[in-house]
Amino acid sequence: MKTIQNYAPPDAQSLQRLQDRLGFSDARMAELAGLDAATPWPSFLGGPEPRTLGRQRLFFMMARLSLDEAQWQRVLDAMHDAGARFDYDEALSASTPPAPEPVPDEERKFGMLLVSRNGAFHEMEQLREFAHFAHEADVSRYVNSVFYDSDIDLCRFRFADHDGLTDASRDRIFDAAHKNITRFEFDGRIYHGGIPPESDG
């Protein structure tokens, strides 16, 4: 039987990109990966020594995202037939489509990952403009990713773990966002900026 050889785990940045593409919270990612409370999902994304994702756990995650419900149930049934006993929480499967539709769009500018959940043109344009404003304000290095959740029309930022991220730098990031992003979350509050875009339709 062929097995996976020379496995190299995804790095923290790759896992962050996966989370941004899916639009999942940390708790939802932990559920997808089958983690317990002692191993929080963010421990795979940052810190001086991020945890690495083993091949079995990554296989579980990707199978969960790739298989439809009937296929996934056959895997669980086979586990039961092999003698395993477990409870199965259907909450994740009921709320997680096998693949997002429409397809997300992403690109990287000035070191920042820009993601539109539904690949909306006007959202990507806003994210690109934000990236330019942030770069001009010399604060792009403080932003890891910008995720525009098309389903709720809200943009969120994930900041880099950087010693130079001061209150003044955060203010410049806020100003860059306020120039053109229609609706965004910053420090737990929702703000409106820019000019509302025309619909893609």
N, C-alpha and C. Protein backbone atom coordinates (compact mmCIF):
# COMPACT_ATOMS: atom_id res chain seq x y z
N MET A 1 0.85 -1.19 0.00
CA MET A 1 0.00 0.00 0.00
C MET A 1 0.89 1.24 0.00
N LYS A 2 0.61 2.15 -0.90
CA LYS A 2 1.39 3.37 -0.98
C LYS A 2 1.05 4.28 0.20
N THR A 3 2.06 4.92 0.74
CA THR A 3 1.86 5.88 1.81
C THR A 3 2.51 7.20 1.44
N ILE A 4 2.20 8.24 2.19
CA ILE A 4 2.78 9.55 1.94
C ILE A 4 4.21 9.56 2.48
N GLN A 5 5.15 9.86 1.61
CA GLN A 5 6.55 9.88 1.99
C GLN A 5 7.08 11.32 1.97
N ASN A 6 8.13 11.56 2.76
CA ASN A 6 8.82 12.86 2.77
C ASN A 6 7.85 14.02 2.98
N TYR A 7 6.96 13.84 3.94
CA TYR A 7 5.95 14.86 4.23
C TYR A 7 6.58 16.11 4.84
N ALA A 8 6.24 17.27 4.29
CA ALA A 8 6.64 18.56 4.87
C ALA A 8 5.36 19.32 5.19
N PRO A 9 5.14 19.67 6.45
CA PRO A 9 3.86 20.30 6.82
C PRO A 9 3.73 21.70 6.25
N PRO A 10 2.49 22.16 6.05
CA PRO A 10 2.31 23.55 5.61
C PRO A 10 2.80 24.51 6.69
N ASP A 11 3.40 25.61 6.26
CA ASP A 11 3.88 26.58 7.25
C ASP A 11 2.72 27.43 7.75
N ALA A 12 3.03 28.28 8.74
CA ALA A 12 1.99 29.09 9.37
C ALA A 12 1.29 30.00 8.37
N GLN A 13 2.05 30.55 7.42
CA GLN A 13 1.46 31.45 6.43
C GLN A 13 0.48 30.70 5.52
N SER A 14 0.82 29.48 5.15
CA SER A 14 -0.08 28.69 4.31
C SER A 14 -1.37 28.35 5.04
N LEU A 15 -1.26 28.02 6.32
CA LEU A 15 -2.46 27.72 7.11
C LEU A 15 -3.31 28.97 7.29
N GLN A 16 -2.65 30.12 7.42
CA GLN A 16 -3.41 31.37 7.54
C GLN A 16 -4.16 31.66 6.24
N ARG A 17 -3.51 31.41 5.10
CA ARG A 17 -4.17 31.61 3.82
C ARG A 17 -5.38 30.69 3.68
N LEU A 18 -5.24 29.44 4.13
CA LEU A 18 -6.37 28.51 4.09
C LEU A 18 -7.53 29.04 4.92
N GLN A 19 -7.23 29.50 6.14
CA GLN A 19 -8.29 30.03 7.00
C GLN A 19 -8.95 31.25 6.37
N ASP A 20 -8.15 32.11 5.77
CA ASP A 20 -8.71 33.31 5.14
C ASP A 20 -9.59 32.94 3.95
N ARG A 21 -9.16 31.96 3.16
CA ARG A 21 -9.98 31.53 2.02
C ARG A 21 -11.31 30.97 2.48
N LEU A 22 -11.28 30.17 3.55
CA LEU A 22 -12.51 29.56 4.06
C LEU A 22 -13.38 30.57 4.79
N GLY A 23 -12.76 31.62 5.34
CA GLY A 23 -13.51 32.59 6.13
C GLY A 23 -13.95 32.04 7.47
N PHE A 24 -13.19 31.07 8.02
CA PHE A 24 -13.56 30.43 9.27
C PHE A 24 -12.94 31.17 10.45
N SER A 25 -13.65 31.18 11.57
CA SER A 25 -13.10 31.68 12.82
C SER A 25 -12.07 30.69 13.35
N ASP A 26 -11.30 31.09 14.36
CA ASP A 26 -10.32 30.18 14.97
C ASP A 26 -11.03 28.96 15.55
N ALA A 27 -12.20 29.17 16.17
CA ALA A 27 -12.93 28.05 16.76
C ALA A 27 -13.40 27.07 15.67
N ARG A 28 -13.81 27.61 14.54
CA ARG A 28 -14.29 26.76 13.44
C ARG A 28 -13.13 25.97 12.85
N MET A 29 -11.96 26.59 12.73
CA MET A 29 -10.79 25.87 12.23
C MET A 29 -10.38 24.76 13.19
N ALA A 30 -10.45 25.05 14.50
CA ALA A 30 -10.12 24.02 15.49
C ALA A 30 -11.07 22.84 15.37
N GLU A 31 -12.34 23.12 15.12
CA GLU A 31 -13.32 22.06 14.95
C GLU A 31 -13.02 21.26 13.69
N LEU A 32 -12.69 21.95 12.61
CA LEU A 32 -12.36 21.28 11.35
C LEU A 32 -11.16 20.35 11.52
N ALA A 33 -10.17 20.80 12.30
CA ALA A 33 -8.95 20.02 12.49
C ALA A 33 -9.08 18.98 13.59
N GLY A 34 -10.21 18.98 14.31
CA GLY A 34 -10.40 18.01 15.39
C GLY A 34 -9.52 18.28 16.59
N LEU A 35 -9.25 19.56 16.86
CA LEU A 35 -8.38 19.92 17.99
C LEU A 35 -9.17 19.96 19.29
N ASP A 36 -8.48 19.73 20.41
CA ASP A 36 -9.13 19.89 21.71
C ASP A 36 -8.71 21.22 22.31
N ALA A 37 -9.26 21.53 23.49
CA ALA A 37 -9.01 22.84 24.11
C ALA A 37 -7.55 23.05 24.44
N ALA A 38 -6.80 21.97 24.62
CA ALA A 38 -5.39 22.10 24.98
C ALA A 38 -4.51 22.48 23.79
N THR A 39 -5.06 22.40 22.59
CA THR A 39 -4.29 22.72 21.38
C THR A 39 -5.08 23.71 20.54
N PRO A 40 -5.03 24.99 20.87
CA PRO A 40 -5.81 25.98 20.12
C PRO A 40 -5.28 26.17 18.70
N TRP A 41 -6.18 26.45 17.79
CA TRP A 41 -5.80 26.66 16.39
C TRP A 41 -4.74 27.75 16.21
N PRO A 42 -4.84 28.91 16.89
CA PRO A 42 -3.83 29.96 16.67
C PRO A 42 -2.40 29.51 16.97
N SER A 43 -2.23 28.43 17.75
CA SER A 43 -0.86 27.97 18.04
C SER A 43 -0.16 27.43 16.79
N PHE A 44 -0.94 27.17 15.72
CA PHE A 44 -0.34 26.73 14.46
C PHE A 44 0.01 27.93 13.56
N LEU A 45 -0.45 29.13 13.94
CA LEU A 45 -0.33 30.28 13.05
C LEU A 45 0.74 31.29 13.44
N GLY A 46 1.21 31.25 14.67
CA GLY A 46 2.15 32.29 15.06
C GLY A 46 2.91 31.95 16.31
N GLY A 47 3.55 32.97 16.86
CA GLY A 47 4.39 32.77 18.02
C GLY A 47 5.81 32.43 17.61
N PRO A 48 6.72 32.38 18.57
CA PRO A 48 8.12 32.10 18.25
C PRO A 48 8.33 30.71 17.64
N GLU A 49 7.50 29.72 18.04
CA GLU A 49 7.63 28.37 17.50
C GLU A 49 6.24 27.81 17.21
N PRO A 50 5.66 28.15 16.05
CA PRO A 50 4.32 27.64 15.72
C PRO A 50 4.31 26.11 15.67
N ARG A 51 3.21 25.52 16.08
CA ARG A 51 3.06 24.07 15.97
C ARG A 51 3.03 23.68 14.49
N THR A 52 3.39 22.44 14.22
CA THR A 52 3.30 21.94 12.85
C THR A 52 2.10 21.00 12.75
N LEU A 53 1.50 20.97 11.58
CA LEU A 53 0.30 20.17 11.34
C LEU A 53 0.72 18.82 10.77
N GLY A 54 0.48 17.76 11.52
CA GLY A 54 0.84 16.42 11.08
C GLY A 54 0.05 15.98 9.86
N ARG A 55 0.60 15.02 9.14
CA ARG A 55 -0.04 14.61 7.89
C ARG A 55 -1.40 13.97 8.12
N GLN A 56 -1.59 13.24 9.25
CA GLN A 56 -2.89 12.63 9.50
C GLN A 56 -3.95 13.70 9.75
N ARG A 57 -3.58 14.73 10.51
CA ARG A 57 -4.56 15.78 10.80
C ARG A 57 -4.87 16.60 9.54
N LEU A 58 -3.85 16.89 8.74
CA LEU A 58 -4.09 17.61 7.49
C LEU A 58 -4.95 16.78 6.55
N PHE A 59 -4.67 15.48 6.49
CA PHE A 59 -5.48 14.59 5.65
C PHE A 59 -6.94 14.63 6.10
N PHE A 60 -7.16 14.59 7.41
CA PHE A 60 -8.52 14.64 7.96
C PHE A 60 -9.21 15.94 7.53
N MET A 61 -8.51 17.06 7.67
CA MET A 61 -9.09 18.36 7.32
C MET A 61 -9.47 18.43 5.84
N MET A 62 -8.54 18.02 4.98
CA MET A 62 -8.78 18.13 3.55
C MET A 62 -9.86 17.14 3.09
N ALA A 63 -9.89 15.96 3.73
CA ALA A 63 -10.96 15.01 3.40
C ALA A 63 -12.31 15.60 3.79
N ARG A 64 -12.35 16.25 4.94
CA ARG A 64 -13.61 16.83 5.41
C ARG A 64 -14.11 17.91 4.47
N LEU A 65 -13.17 18.67 3.90
CA LEU A 65 -13.53 19.75 2.98
C LEU A 65 -13.82 19.24 1.57
N SER A 66 -13.24 18.10 1.20
CA SER A 66 -13.34 17.63 -0.18
C SER A 66 -14.47 16.64 -0.43
N LEU A 67 -14.81 15.84 0.59
CA LEU A 67 -15.83 14.81 0.41
C LEU A 67 -17.22 15.38 0.65
N ASP A 68 -18.18 14.88 -0.13
CA ASP A 68 -19.56 15.28 0.15
C ASP A 68 -20.05 14.49 1.37
N GLU A 69 -21.24 14.81 1.84
CA GLU A 69 -21.71 14.24 3.10
C GLU A 69 -21.85 12.72 3.02
N ALA A 70 -22.33 12.20 1.88
CA ALA A 70 -22.49 10.75 1.75
C ALA A 70 -21.14 10.04 1.79
N GLN A 71 -20.14 10.62 1.11
CA GLN A 71 -18.80 10.03 1.12
C GLN A 71 -18.20 10.08 2.51
N TRP A 72 -18.39 11.22 3.18
CA TRP A 72 -17.85 11.37 4.54
C TRP A 72 -18.50 10.37 5.48
N GLN A 73 -19.79 10.14 5.34
CA GLN A 73 -20.48 9.19 6.20
C GLN A 73 -19.96 7.77 5.98
N ARG A 74 -19.60 7.44 4.74
CA ARG A 74 -19.03 6.11 4.47
C ARG A 74 -17.70 5.93 5.20
N VAL A 75 -16.90 7.01 5.26
CA VAL A 75 -15.64 6.94 6.00
C VAL A 75 -15.92 6.69 7.48
N LEU A 76 -16.88 7.42 8.05
CA LEU A 76 -17.22 7.24 9.46
C LEU A 76 -17.74 5.83 9.73
N ASP A 77 -18.56 5.32 8.82
CA ASP A 77 -19.08 3.96 8.97
C ASP A 77 -17.95 2.94 8.95
N ALA A 78 -16.97 3.17 8.07
CA ALA A 78 -15.82 2.26 8.01
C ALA A 78 -15.02 2.30 9.31
N MET A 79 -14.91 3.48 9.92
CA MET A 79 -14.23 3.59 11.20
C MET A 79 -14.97 2.81 12.27
N HIS A 80 -16.30 2.90 12.25
CA HIS A 80 -17.10 2.11 13.20
C HIS A 80 -16.90 0.62 12.95
N ASP A 81 -16.89 0.21 11.68
CA ASP A 81 -16.73 -1.20 11.35
C ASP A 81 -15.38 -1.72 11.82
N ALA A 82 -14.38 -0.82 11.85
CA ALA A 82 -13.04 -1.22 12.30
C ALA A 82 -12.95 -1.32 13.82
N GLY A 83 -14.05 -0.96 14.51
CA GLY A 83 -14.07 -1.11 15.96
C GLY A 83 -14.00 0.19 16.74
N ALA A 84 -13.88 1.32 16.05
CA ALA A 84 -13.81 2.60 16.76
C ALA A 84 -15.19 2.99 17.29
N ARG A 85 -15.19 3.69 18.39
CA ARG A 85 -16.43 4.22 18.97
C ARG A 85 -16.23 5.71 19.22
N PHE A 86 -17.15 6.51 18.75
CA PHE A 86 -17.03 7.96 18.90
C PHE A 86 -18.37 8.62 18.67
N ASP A 87 -18.49 9.83 19.16
CA ASP A 87 -19.66 10.67 18.88
C ASP A 87 -19.31 11.55 17.70
N TYR A 88 -20.29 11.81 16.87
CA TYR A 88 -20.06 12.63 15.68
C TYR A 88 -20.95 13.86 15.75
N ASP A 89 -20.31 15.03 15.75
CA ASP A 89 -21.04 16.30 15.78
C ASP A 89 -21.26 16.75 14.34
N GLU A 90 -22.52 16.81 13.93
CA GLU A 90 -22.83 17.19 12.55
C GLU A 90 -22.87 18.70 12.34
N ALA A 91 -22.60 19.47 13.39
CA ALA A 91 -22.71 20.94 13.26
C ALA A 91 -21.78 21.48 12.18
N LEU A 92 -20.54 20.98 12.16
CA LEU A 92 -19.58 21.49 11.17
C LEU A 92 -19.98 21.07 9.77
N SER A 93 -20.39 19.80 9.63
CA SER A 93 -20.73 19.33 8.29
C SER A 93 -21.96 20.03 7.75
N ALA A 94 -22.91 20.34 8.62
CA ALA A 94 -24.14 20.99 8.15
C ALA A 94 -23.89 22.41 7.72
N SER A 95 -22.87 23.05 8.30
CA SER A 95 -22.64 24.47 8.00
C SER A 95 -21.45 24.68 7.08
N THR A 96 -20.75 23.61 6.68
CA THR A 96 -19.56 23.75 5.87
C THR A 96 -19.78 23.15 4.49
N PRO A 97 -19.90 23.95 3.45
CA PRO A 97 -20.03 23.38 2.11
C PRO A 97 -18.71 22.76 1.69
N PRO A 98 -18.74 21.73 0.83
CA PRO A 98 -17.50 21.10 0.40
C PRO A 98 -16.57 22.09 -0.29
N ALA A 99 -17.13 23.03 -1.02
CA ALA A 99 -16.30 24.05 -1.69
C ALA A 99 -17.11 25.33 -1.77
N PRO A 100 -16.49 26.46 -1.44
CA PRO A 100 -17.23 27.72 -1.52
C PRO A 100 -17.60 28.05 -2.95
N GLU A 101 -18.74 28.66 -3.10
CA GLU A 101 -19.23 29.02 -4.43
C GLU A 101 -19.86 30.40 -4.34
N PRO A 102 -19.48 31.37 -5.11
CA PRO A 102 -18.45 31.30 -6.13
C PRO A 102 -17.05 31.20 -5.56
N VAL A 103 -16.07 31.06 -6.44
CA VAL A 103 -14.69 30.82 -6.04
C VAL A 103 -14.08 32.08 -5.44
N PRO A 104 -13.39 31.95 -4.30
CA PRO A 104 -12.71 33.12 -3.72
C PRO A 104 -11.60 33.62 -4.65
N ASP A 105 -11.24 34.87 -4.45
CA ASP A 105 -10.14 35.46 -5.20
C ASP A 105 -9.12 35.96 -4.20
N GLU A 106 -7.85 35.80 -4.53
CA GLU A 106 -6.81 36.30 -3.63
C GLU A 106 -5.59 36.72 -4.43
N GLU A 107 -4.85 37.65 -3.87
CA GLU A 107 -3.56 38.03 -4.43
C GLU A 107 -2.74 38.67 -3.33
N ARG A 108 -1.47 38.81 -3.58
CA ARG A 108 -0.59 39.39 -2.58
C ARG A 108 -0.02 40.70 -3.12
N LYS A 109 -0.11 41.76 -2.30
CA LYS A 109 0.46 43.05 -2.65
C LYS A 109 1.20 43.62 -1.45
N PHE A 110 2.42 44.07 -1.70
CA PHE A 110 3.26 44.69 -0.66
C PHE A 110 3.33 43.80 0.59
N GLY A 111 3.36 42.48 0.36
CA GLY A 111 3.49 41.54 1.48
C GLY A 111 2.18 41.18 2.16
N MET A 112 1.08 41.78 1.75
CA MET A 112 -0.21 41.51 2.36
C MET A 112 -1.02 40.56 1.49
N LEU A 113 -1.68 39.57 2.11
CA LEU A 113 -2.58 38.69 1.38
C LEU A 113 -3.96 39.34 1.34
N LEU A 114 -4.48 39.56 0.13
CA LEU A 114 -5.78 40.18 -0.06
C LEU A 114 -6.75 39.10 -0.54
N VAL A 115 -7.86 38.94 0.16
CA VAL A 115 -8.81 37.86 -0.15
C VAL A 115 -10.23 38.40 -0.18
N SER A 116 -10.95 38.08 -1.26
CA SER A 116 -12.39 38.30 -1.34
C SER A 116 -13.06 36.94 -1.30
N ARG A 117 -13.92 36.74 -0.32
CA ARG A 117 -14.51 35.41 -0.12
C ARG A 117 -15.23 34.89 -1.37
N ASN A 118 -15.99 35.76 -2.03
CA ASN A 118 -16.74 35.34 -3.20
C ASN A 118 -16.12 35.82 -4.51
N GLY A 119 -14.90 36.32 -4.46
CA GLY A 119 -14.22 36.76 -5.67
C GLY A 119 -14.87 37.96 -6.33
N ALA A 120 -15.50 38.83 -5.53
CA ALA A 120 -16.19 40.00 -6.09
C ALA A 120 -15.17 41.02 -6.60
N PHE A 121 -15.39 41.49 -7.82
CA PHE A 121 -14.44 42.43 -8.43
C PHE A 121 -14.31 43.70 -7.61
N HIS A 122 -15.44 44.28 -7.18
CA HIS A 122 -15.36 45.57 -6.47
C HIS A 122 -14.66 45.40 -5.11
N GLU A 123 -14.79 44.22 -4.49
CA GLU A 123 -14.09 44.00 -3.23
C GLU A 123 -12.59 43.92 -3.45
N MET A 124 -12.16 43.20 -4.48
CA MET A 124 -10.74 43.11 -4.77
C MET A 124 -10.16 44.47 -5.12
N GLU A 125 -10.94 45.30 -5.83
CA GLU A 125 -10.46 46.64 -6.15
C GLU A 125 -10.26 47.46 -4.87
N GLN A 126 -11.20 47.35 -3.94
CA GLN A 126 -11.04 48.07 -2.67
C GLN A 126 -9.81 47.58 -1.92
N LEU A 127 -9.59 46.27 -1.91
CA LEU A 127 -8.44 45.72 -1.21
C LEU A 127 -7.13 46.16 -1.85
N ARG A 128 -7.11 46.21 -3.18
CA ARG A 128 -5.89 46.68 -3.87
C ARG A 128 -5.60 48.14 -3.54
N GLU A 129 -6.65 48.96 -3.55
CA GLU A 129 -6.46 50.38 -3.22
C GLU A 129 -5.99 50.53 -1.78
N PHE A 130 -6.58 49.75 -0.87
CA PHE A 130 -6.12 49.80 0.52
C PHE A 130 -4.64 49.45 0.60
N ALA A 131 -4.22 48.40 -0.14
CA ALA A 131 -2.82 47.99 -0.10
C ALA A 131 -1.90 49.13 -0.53
N HIS A 132 -2.31 49.88 -1.57
CA HIS A 132 -1.49 51.00 -2.03
C HIS A 132 -1.45 52.12 -0.98
N PHE A 133 -2.60 52.42 -0.38
CA PHE A 133 -2.63 53.46 0.66
C PHE A 133 -1.77 53.04 1.86
N ALA A 134 -1.85 51.78 2.26
CA ALA A 134 -1.07 51.29 3.39
C ALA A 134 0.42 51.34 3.08
N HIS A 135 0.77 51.00 1.83
CA HIS A 135 2.17 51.04 1.43
C HIS A 135 2.69 52.48 1.43
N GLU A 136 1.89 53.40 0.91
CA GLU A 136 2.30 54.81 0.90
C GLU A 136 2.46 55.35 2.31
N ALA A 137 1.66 54.83 3.25
CA ALA A 137 1.75 55.28 4.64
C ALA A 137 2.81 54.52 5.42
N ASP A 138 3.53 53.61 4.72
CA ASP A 138 4.62 52.84 5.32
C ASP A 138 4.14 51.95 6.47
N VAL A 139 2.96 51.33 6.30
CA VAL A 139 2.44 50.44 7.34
C VAL A 139 2.05 49.07 6.78
N SER A 140 2.35 48.80 5.51
CA SER A 140 1.94 47.52 4.93
C SER A 140 2.58 46.33 5.63
N ARG A 141 3.78 46.52 6.19
CA ARG A 141 4.46 45.40 6.86
C ARG A 141 3.76 44.96 8.14
N TYR A 142 2.84 45.78 8.63
CA TYR A 142 2.13 45.44 9.86
C TYR A 142 0.84 44.66 9.61
N VAL A 143 0.51 44.41 8.36
CA VAL A 143 -0.74 43.72 8.02
C VAL A 143 -0.41 42.39 7.34
N ASN A 144 -0.81 41.28 7.96
CA ASN A 144 -0.61 39.96 7.35
C ASN A 144 -1.59 39.73 6.22
N SER A 145 -2.88 39.96 6.51
CA SER A 145 -3.91 39.67 5.51
C SER A 145 -5.11 40.58 5.72
N VAL A 146 -5.86 40.75 4.62
CA VAL A 146 -7.11 41.51 4.63
C VAL A 146 -8.15 40.62 3.97
N PHE A 147 -9.19 40.30 4.71
CA PHE A 147 -10.21 39.36 4.23
C PHE A 147 -11.55 40.08 4.12
N TYR A 148 -12.10 40.08 2.90
CA TYR A 148 -13.42 40.69 2.67
C TYR A 148 -14.45 39.57 2.64
N ASP A 149 -15.27 39.51 3.70
CA ASP A 149 -16.31 38.48 3.78
C ASP A 149 -17.52 38.96 2.99
N SER A 150 -17.63 38.47 1.77
CA SER A 150 -18.68 38.92 0.86
C SER A 150 -20.07 38.61 1.41
N ASP A 151 -20.19 37.52 2.16
CA ASP A 151 -21.51 37.10 2.64
C ASP A 151 -22.12 38.09 3.63
N ILE A 152 -21.25 38.79 4.38
CA ILE A 152 -21.78 39.76 5.35
C ILE A 152 -21.31 41.18 5.04
N ASP A 153 -20.67 41.36 3.88
CA ASP A 153 -20.19 42.66 3.45
C ASP A 153 -19.36 43.33 4.54
N LEU A 154 -18.29 42.65 4.95
CA LEU A 154 -17.44 43.17 6.02
C LEU A 154 -16.00 42.78 5.77
N CYS A 155 -15.11 43.74 5.90
CA CYS A 155 -13.68 43.53 5.70
C CYS A 155 -13.00 43.44 7.07
N ARG A 156 -12.10 42.47 7.21
CA ARG A 156 -11.37 42.30 8.47
C ARG A 156 -9.87 42.25 8.19
N PHE A 157 -9.09 42.68 9.18
CA PHE A 157 -7.64 42.74 9.06
C PHE A 157 -7.00 41.78 10.06
N ARG A 158 -5.91 41.15 9.64
CA ARG A 158 -5.11 40.36 10.58
C ARG A 158 -3.73 41.00 10.61
N PHE A 159 -3.37 41.51 11.78
CA PHE A 159 -2.12 42.25 11.92
C PHE A 159 -0.94 41.31 12.15
N ALA A 160 0.22 41.75 11.70
CA ALA A 160 1.45 40.99 11.89
C ALA A 160 1.92 41.13 13.34
N ASP A 161 2.61 40.10 13.80
CA ASP A 161 3.22 40.15 15.13
C ASP A 161 4.55 40.90 14.99
N HIS A 162 4.47 42.22 15.14
CA HIS A 162 5.61 43.08 14.81
C HIS A 162 5.81 44.08 15.94
N ASP A 163 7.07 44.23 16.38
CA ASP A 163 7.38 45.13 17.50
C ASP A 163 7.04 46.59 17.17
N GLY A 164 7.07 46.94 15.87
CA GLY A 164 6.86 48.34 15.50
C GLY A 164 5.40 48.73 15.34
N LEU A 165 4.47 47.81 15.61
CA LEU A 165 3.05 48.11 15.45
C LEU A 165 2.57 48.95 16.63
N THR A 166 2.74 50.25 16.51
CA THR A 166 2.37 51.19 17.55
C THR A 166 0.96 51.72 17.32
N ASP A 167 0.47 52.50 18.26
CA ASP A 167 -0.85 53.13 18.09
C ASP A 167 -0.86 54.03 16.86
N ALA A 168 0.25 54.72 16.62
CA ALA A 168 0.33 55.60 15.45
C ALA A 168 0.26 54.78 14.16
N SER A 169 0.92 53.62 14.14
CA SER A 169 0.87 52.76 12.96
C SER A 169 -0.55 52.24 12.73
N ARG A 170 -1.21 51.85 13.81
CA ARG A 170 -2.59 51.37 13.69
C ARG A 170 -3.50 52.48 13.17
N ASP A 171 -3.24 53.70 13.59
CA ASP A 171 -4.03 54.84 13.09
C ASP A 171 -3.85 55.01 11.58
N ARG A 172 -2.62 54.81 11.11
CA ARG A 172 -2.36 54.95 9.68
C ARG A 172 -3.03 53.82 8.89
N ILE A 173 -3.06 52.62 9.48
CA ILE A 173 -3.77 51.51 8.83
C ILE A 173 -5.26 51.82 8.76
N PHE A 174 -5.80 52.33 9.86
CA PHE A 174 -7.22 52.71 9.87
C PHE A 174 -7.51 53.76 8.81
N ASP A 175 -6.65 54.77 8.71
CA ASP A 175 -6.86 55.84 7.73
C ASP A 175 -6.84 55.27 6.30
N ALA A 176 -5.92 54.33 6.04
CA ALA A 176 -5.84 53.72 4.71
C ALA A 176 -7.13 52.96 4.39
N ALA A 177 -7.67 52.27 5.39
CA ALA A 177 -8.92 51.52 5.19
C ALA A 177 -10.10 52.46 4.99
N HIS A 178 -10.12 53.52 5.78
CA HIS A 178 -11.27 54.44 5.75
C HIS A 178 -11.38 55.19 4.44
N LYS A 179 -10.27 55.28 3.71
CA LYS A 179 -10.30 56.01 2.44
C LYS A 179 -11.16 55.34 1.39
N ASN A 180 -11.21 53.99 1.42
CA ASN A 180 -11.88 53.35 0.29
C ASN A 180 -12.66 52.07 0.61
N ILE A 181 -12.51 51.50 1.80
CA ILE A 181 -13.23 50.25 2.10
C ILE A 181 -14.62 50.58 2.63
N THR A 182 -15.62 50.05 1.96
CA THR A 182 -17.00 50.44 2.26
C THR A 182 -17.41 50.10 3.68
N ARG A 183 -17.06 48.92 4.15
CA ARG A 183 -17.48 48.49 5.50
C ARG A 183 -16.39 47.59 6.07
N PHE A 184 -15.84 47.96 7.23
CA PHE A 184 -14.74 47.18 7.78
C PHE A 184 -14.78 47.19 9.30
N GLU A 185 -14.16 46.16 9.89
CA GLU A 185 -14.08 46.04 11.35
C GLU A 185 -12.69 46.44 11.79
N PHE A 186 -12.63 47.26 12.82
CA PHE A 186 -11.34 47.69 13.34
C PHE A 186 -11.46 47.85 14.85
N ASP A 187 -10.60 47.12 15.59
CA ASP A 187 -10.64 47.15 17.06
C ASP A 187 -12.04 46.86 17.60
N GLY A 188 -12.72 45.91 16.97
CA GLY A 188 -14.00 45.48 17.48
C GLY A 188 -15.19 46.34 17.11
N ARG A 189 -14.98 47.39 16.31
CA ARG A 189 -16.08 48.25 15.89
C ARG A 189 -16.20 48.24 14.37
N ILE A 190 -17.41 48.49 13.88
CA ILE A 190 -17.67 48.50 12.44
C ILE A 190 -17.64 49.95 11.95
N TYR A 191 -16.91 50.17 10.86
CA TYR A 191 -16.78 51.50 10.29
C TYR A 191 -17.19 51.47 8.81
N HIS A 192 -17.59 52.64 8.31
CA HIS A 192 -17.95 52.77 6.91
C HIS A 192 -17.00 53.81 6.29
N GLY A 193 -16.43 53.46 5.15
CA GLY A 193 -15.52 54.40 4.50
C GLY A 193 -15.68 54.33 3.00
N GLY A 194 -14.98 55.19 2.31
CA GLY A 194 -15.00 55.18 0.86
C GLY A 194 -16.35 55.49 0.27
N ILE A 195 -16.50 55.19 -1.00
CA ILE A 195 -17.76 55.40 -1.73
C ILE A 195 -18.36 54.05 -2.01
N PRO A 196 -19.63 53.82 -1.68
CA PRO A 196 -20.22 52.50 -1.95
C PRO A 196 -20.08 52.12 -3.41
N PRO A 197 -19.60 50.91 -3.67
CA PRO A 197 -19.36 50.50 -5.06
C PRO A 197 -20.65 50.11 -5.75
N GLU A 198 -20.61 50.13 -7.10
CA GLU A 198 -21.73 49.64 -7.86
C GLU A 198 -21.73 48.12 -7.79
N SER A 199 -22.88 47.52 -7.94
CA SER A 199 -23.02 46.08 -7.89
C SER A 199 -22.30 45.45 -9.06
N ASP A 200 -21.78 44.22 -8.83
CA ASP A 200 -21.14 43.48 -9.92
C ASP A 200 -22.14 43.08 -10.98
N GLY A 201 -23.42 42.98 -10.57
CA GLY A 201 -24.44 42.55 -11.52
C GLY A 201 -24.80 43.65 -12.46
